Protein backbone atom coordinates (compact mmCIF):
# COMPACT_ATOMS: atom_id res chain seq x y z
CA UNK A 1 46.94 -92.96 53.30
CA UNK A 2 48.37 -92.33 49.84
CA UNK A 3 48.81 -88.95 48.21
CA UNK A 4 48.43 -88.56 44.49
CA UNK A 5 47.73 -85.80 42.02
CA UNK A 6 46.57 -85.42 38.45
CA UNK A 7 49.30 -85.01 35.85
CA UNK A 8 48.58 -82.44 33.15
CA UNK A 9 49.27 -83.65 29.63
CA UNK A 10 49.38 -87.31 30.59
CA UNK A 11 47.68 -89.05 27.67
CA UNK A 12 48.11 -92.63 28.84
CA UNK A 13 47.39 -94.36 32.08
CA UNK A 14 44.94 -93.24 34.78
CA UNK A 15 45.73 -89.55 34.39
CA UNK A 16 47.29 -89.22 37.83
CA UNK A 17 50.57 -90.01 39.52
CA UNK A 18 51.20 -91.13 43.07
CA UNK A 19 53.32 -88.88 45.28
CA UNK A 20 53.90 -90.80 48.48
CA UNK A 21 52.06 -92.21 51.50
CA UNK A 22 51.32 -91.09 55.03
CA UNK A 23 51.52 -93.40 58.03
CA UNK A 24 49.69 -91.28 60.61
CA UNK A 25 47.88 -87.96 60.21
CA UNK A 26 46.19 -86.67 63.33
CA UNK A 27 43.85 -83.68 63.49
CA UNK A 28 42.99 -81.84 66.69
CA UNK A 29 41.69 -78.47 67.80
CA UNK A 30 43.24 -75.70 69.84
CA UNK A 31 41.21 -73.94 72.57
CA UNK A 32 40.65 -71.11 70.06
CA UNK A 33 39.04 -73.49 67.58
CA UNK A 34 41.96 -73.68 65.15
CA UNK A 35 42.97 -76.97 63.56
CA UNK A 36 46.24 -78.55 64.68
CA UNK A 37 47.65 -81.29 62.45
CA UNK A 38 50.33 -83.83 63.35
CA UNK A 39 52.12 -86.10 60.89
CA UNK A 40 54.11 -89.14 62.02
CA UNK A 41 56.28 -91.48 59.97
CA UNK A 42 56.40 -94.86 61.71
CA UNK A 43 58.91 -97.56 60.78
CA UNK A 44 60.38 -100.63 62.45
CA UNK A 45 63.62 -100.26 60.48
CA UNK A 46 66.47 -97.83 61.16
CA UNK A 47 67.55 -97.65 57.52
CA UNK A 48 68.60 -94.21 56.23
CA UNK A 49 67.14 -92.15 59.12
CA UNK A 50 68.87 -88.92 58.04
CA UNK A 51 67.46 -89.04 54.51
CA UNK A 52 64.08 -89.97 55.93
CA UNK A 53 64.02 -86.89 58.12
CA UNK A 54 64.35 -84.62 55.10
CA UNK A 55 61.52 -86.56 53.44
CA UNK A 56 59.36 -86.15 56.54
CA UNK A 57 59.96 -82.40 56.54
CA UNK A 58 58.86 -82.15 52.90
CA UNK A 59 55.70 -84.21 53.40
CA UNK A 60 54.81 -82.32 56.58
CA UNK A 61 55.02 -79.05 54.66
CA UNK A 62 52.93 -80.48 51.83
CA UNK A 63 50.06 -81.45 54.15
CA UNK A 64 50.51 -78.27 56.24
CA UNK A 65 51.23 -80.26 59.41
CA UNK A 66 51.94 -78.25 62.55
CA UNK A 67 54.03 -81.07 64.04
CA UNK A 68 56.06 -83.85 62.45
CA UNK A 69 57.60 -86.92 64.05
CA UNK A 70 59.89 -89.75 63.02
CA UNK A 71 58.81 -92.75 65.10
CA UNK A 72 61.15 -95.74 65.20
CA UNK A 73 61.07 -99.10 66.97
CA UNK A 74 64.87 -99.02 67.38
CA UNK A 75 67.39 -96.43 68.65
CA UNK A 76 68.36 -93.73 66.14
CA UNK A 77 71.82 -92.22 65.51
CA UNK A 78 72.80 -89.02 67.27
CA UNK A 79 72.93 -87.15 63.96
CA UNK A 80 69.16 -87.58 63.62
CA UNK A 81 68.61 -85.88 66.95
CA UNK A 82 70.96 -83.09 65.91
CA UNK A 83 68.78 -82.45 62.86
CA UNK A 84 65.58 -82.58 64.89
CA UNK A 85 65.45 -78.96 65.99
CA UNK A 86 66.80 -77.64 62.67
CA UNK A 87 64.16 -79.43 60.57
CA UNK A 88 61.38 -79.24 63.11
CA UNK A 89 60.97 -83.03 63.08
CA UNK A 90 60.61 -84.77 66.43
CA UNK A 91 62.53 -88.01 66.95
CA UNK A 92 60.71 -90.70 68.89
CA UNK A 93 62.67 -93.87 69.63
CA UNK A 94 60.95 -96.32 72.03
CA UNK A 95 62.06 -94.50 75.23
CA UNK A 96 61.08 -91.12 73.76
CA UNK A 97 57.66 -92.39 72.70
CA UNK A 98 56.94 -93.84 76.13
CA UNK A 99 57.95 -90.57 77.80
CA UNK A 100 55.81 -88.51 75.40
CA UNK A 101 52.77 -90.73 75.94
CA UNK A 102 53.22 -90.22 79.68
CA UNK A 103 52.68 -86.48 79.27
CA UNK A 104 49.18 -87.04 77.88
CA UNK A 105 47.54 -88.70 80.84
CA UNK A 106 43.83 -89.35 80.38
CA UNK A 107 41.04 -90.90 82.43
CA UNK A 108 39.47 -92.30 79.25
CA UNK A 109 39.86 -96.07 78.94
CA UNK A 110 41.65 -96.67 75.65
CA UNK A 111 42.27 -100.40 76.17
CA UNK A 112 38.65 -101.39 76.77
CA UNK A 113 35.21 -100.04 76.02
CA UNK A 114 34.00 -98.34 72.84
CA UNK A 115 37.26 -96.48 72.08
CA UNK A 116 39.46 -99.60 72.22
CA UNK A 117 38.61 -100.36 68.59
CA UNK A 118 40.63 -97.31 67.53
CA UNK A 119 43.81 -98.97 68.77
CA UNK A 120 43.10 -102.57 67.81
CA UNK A 121 45.10 -103.86 64.85
CA UNK A 122 42.43 -106.28 63.62
CA UNK A 123 39.66 -103.69 63.84
CA UNK A 124 41.79 -101.16 61.99
CA UNK A 125 42.46 -103.72 59.26
CA UNK A 126 38.73 -104.38 58.88
CA UNK A 127 38.13 -100.65 58.45
CA UNK A 128 40.90 -100.32 55.85
CA UNK A 129 39.32 -103.16 53.86
CA UNK A 130 35.74 -102.05 54.41
CA UNK A 131 35.20 -101.14 50.76
CA UNK A 132 36.69 -104.21 49.14
CA UNK A 133 34.39 -105.49 46.40
CA UNK A 134 32.39 -102.26 46.48
CA UNK A 135 30.15 -101.41 43.55
CA UNK A 136 32.28 -100.03 40.72
CA UNK A 137 29.87 -97.10 40.45
CA UNK A 138 31.25 -95.93 43.80
CA UNK A 139 34.86 -95.93 42.58
CA UNK A 140 35.06 -92.17 41.93
CA UNK A 141 33.68 -91.34 45.36
CA UNK A 142 36.10 -93.75 47.04
CA UNK A 143 39.03 -92.37 45.07
CA UNK A 144 38.05 -88.87 46.10
CA UNK A 145 37.86 -89.78 49.80
CA UNK A 146 41.11 -91.73 49.77
CA UNK A 147 43.22 -89.48 47.56
CA UNK A 148 41.85 -86.25 46.13
CA UNK A 149 40.34 -84.98 49.39
CA UNK A 150 43.81 -84.80 50.93
CA UNK A 151 45.44 -83.06 47.95
CA UNK A 152 42.77 -80.49 47.05
CA UNK A 153 42.87 -77.06 48.63
CA UNK A 154 40.70 -77.51 51.77
CA UNK A 155 38.07 -74.98 50.68
CA UNK A 156 37.20 -77.12 47.64
CA UNK A 157 36.08 -80.08 49.74
CA UNK A 158 32.93 -78.32 50.97
CA UNK A 159 31.51 -78.48 47.44
CA UNK A 160 33.43 -81.43 46.00
CA UNK A 161 32.21 -83.91 48.60
CA UNK A 162 28.58 -82.90 48.04
CA UNK A 163 29.07 -83.19 44.27
CA UNK A 164 30.59 -86.67 44.54
CA UNK A 165 27.79 -87.85 46.81
CA UNK A 166 25.20 -86.43 44.44
CA UNK A 167 26.69 -88.49 41.61
CA UNK A 168 26.09 -91.77 43.50
CA UNK A 169 22.82 -91.00 45.29
CA UNK A 170 20.99 -93.48 43.07
CA UNK A 171 23.52 -96.22 43.93
CA UNK A 172 23.68 -95.90 47.70
CA UNK A 173 21.35 -98.26 49.55
CA UNK A 174 20.59 -97.44 53.22
CA UNK A 175 19.96 -101.14 53.94
CA UNK A 176 23.48 -102.02 52.75
CA UNK A 177 25.91 -101.97 55.68
CA UNK A 178 28.87 -101.13 53.45
CA UNK A 179 26.99 -98.19 51.97
CA UNK A 180 26.03 -96.90 55.42
CA UNK A 181 29.67 -97.11 56.47
CA UNK A 182 30.65 -95.14 53.39
CA UNK A 183 28.08 -92.46 54.15
CA UNK A 184 29.37 -92.09 57.73
CA UNK A 185 32.88 -91.87 56.29
CA UNK A 186 31.70 -89.03 54.06
CA UNK A 187 30.13 -87.31 57.07
CA UNK A 188 33.48 -87.42 58.91
CA UNK A 189 35.29 -85.96 55.91
CA UNK A 190 32.68 -83.23 55.60
CA UNK A 191 32.94 -82.41 59.30
CA UNK A 192 36.67 -81.87 58.82
CA UNK A 193 35.98 -79.65 55.81
CA UNK A 194 33.58 -77.60 57.93
CA UNK A 195 36.22 -77.33 60.67
CA UNK A 196 38.61 -75.80 58.12
CA UNK A 197 35.93 -73.30 57.13
CA UNK A 198 35.23 -72.39 60.76
CA UNK A 199 38.94 -71.87 61.44
CA UNK A 200 39.13 -69.55 58.41
CA UNK A 201 36.10 -67.55 59.52
CA UNK A 202 37.41 -67.19 63.09
CA UNK A 203 40.74 -65.84 61.89
CA UNK A 204 39.50 -63.51 59.15
CA UNK A 205 35.98 -62.10 59.64
CA UNK A 206 34.46 -62.97 62.98
CA UNK A 207 32.22 -59.92 62.68
CA UNK A 208 30.82 -60.97 59.29
CA UNK A 209 30.51 -64.75 59.10
CA UNK A 210 28.46 -64.88 55.84
CA UNK A 211 31.11 -62.88 53.98
CA UNK A 212 33.86 -64.99 55.53
CA UNK A 213 32.25 -68.21 54.32
CA UNK A 214 31.57 -66.83 50.84
CA UNK A 215 35.20 -65.78 50.64
CA UNK A 216 36.41 -69.18 51.84
CA UNK A 217 34.24 -71.22 49.49
CA UNK A 218 35.14 -68.90 46.63
CA UNK A 219 38.85 -69.53 47.12
CA UNK A 220 39.87 -66.23 48.70
CA UNK A 221 39.31 -62.50 48.40
CA UNK A 222 40.75 -62.15 44.89
CA UNK A 223 38.99 -65.23 43.52
CA UNK A 224 35.69 -64.04 45.00
CA UNK A 225 36.10 -60.64 43.37
CA UNK A 226 36.69 -62.29 40.00
CA UNK A 227 33.47 -64.32 40.29
CA UNK A 228 30.79 -61.75 41.19
CA UNK A 229 28.19 -63.43 39.01
CA UNK A 230 28.30 -66.79 40.80
CA UNK A 231 24.89 -67.83 42.20
CA UNK A 232 24.71 -66.90 45.85
CA UNK A 233 27.59 -64.45 45.68
């Protein structure tokens, strides 16, 4: 996953600049219904691990990750482990990763059955290339899903995703397998956007859900107060 943002005043080029990329971004839920995000930087090389840890800390803060890990296929120097607690970045060399995985025992079969595809390299590659040669009229929607969705403030995605889908409704063909895949991808992104909204409502106004959602979609209490004439507000 690559992160990029629009550059104000950029007259030439695409109008945006790339920030960096993410190897793994996992999203889960706490028993109280709050989102819990984990970011992991995975590399087979041991080059510059100390500098990389500071980079991981910065990216983790940018994506508001609750946990951050540096995963390496080789042993790491002791200095990296010394920095671990100070920066809040977990260090997972092969032995550490195996031990951590052992603490998450599950009866679900992850090597066979329907969930095995999530951990199969070839299947993952097919998914990553699922939109190759897609209709150029879908480019803005694909760019939004791949880039802008992850950089926008989460509350904006509830309306932005609907707006982007509306723009291509005449292009999408339900008999086209690639288009169906894209629609399901949009549904997953929207479900995550809803989860953010639910987490906000649970933590701010459980006794008044409609007001909580209006406040969330409006961008906060102050923003909502400045837009009293919006339809629906």
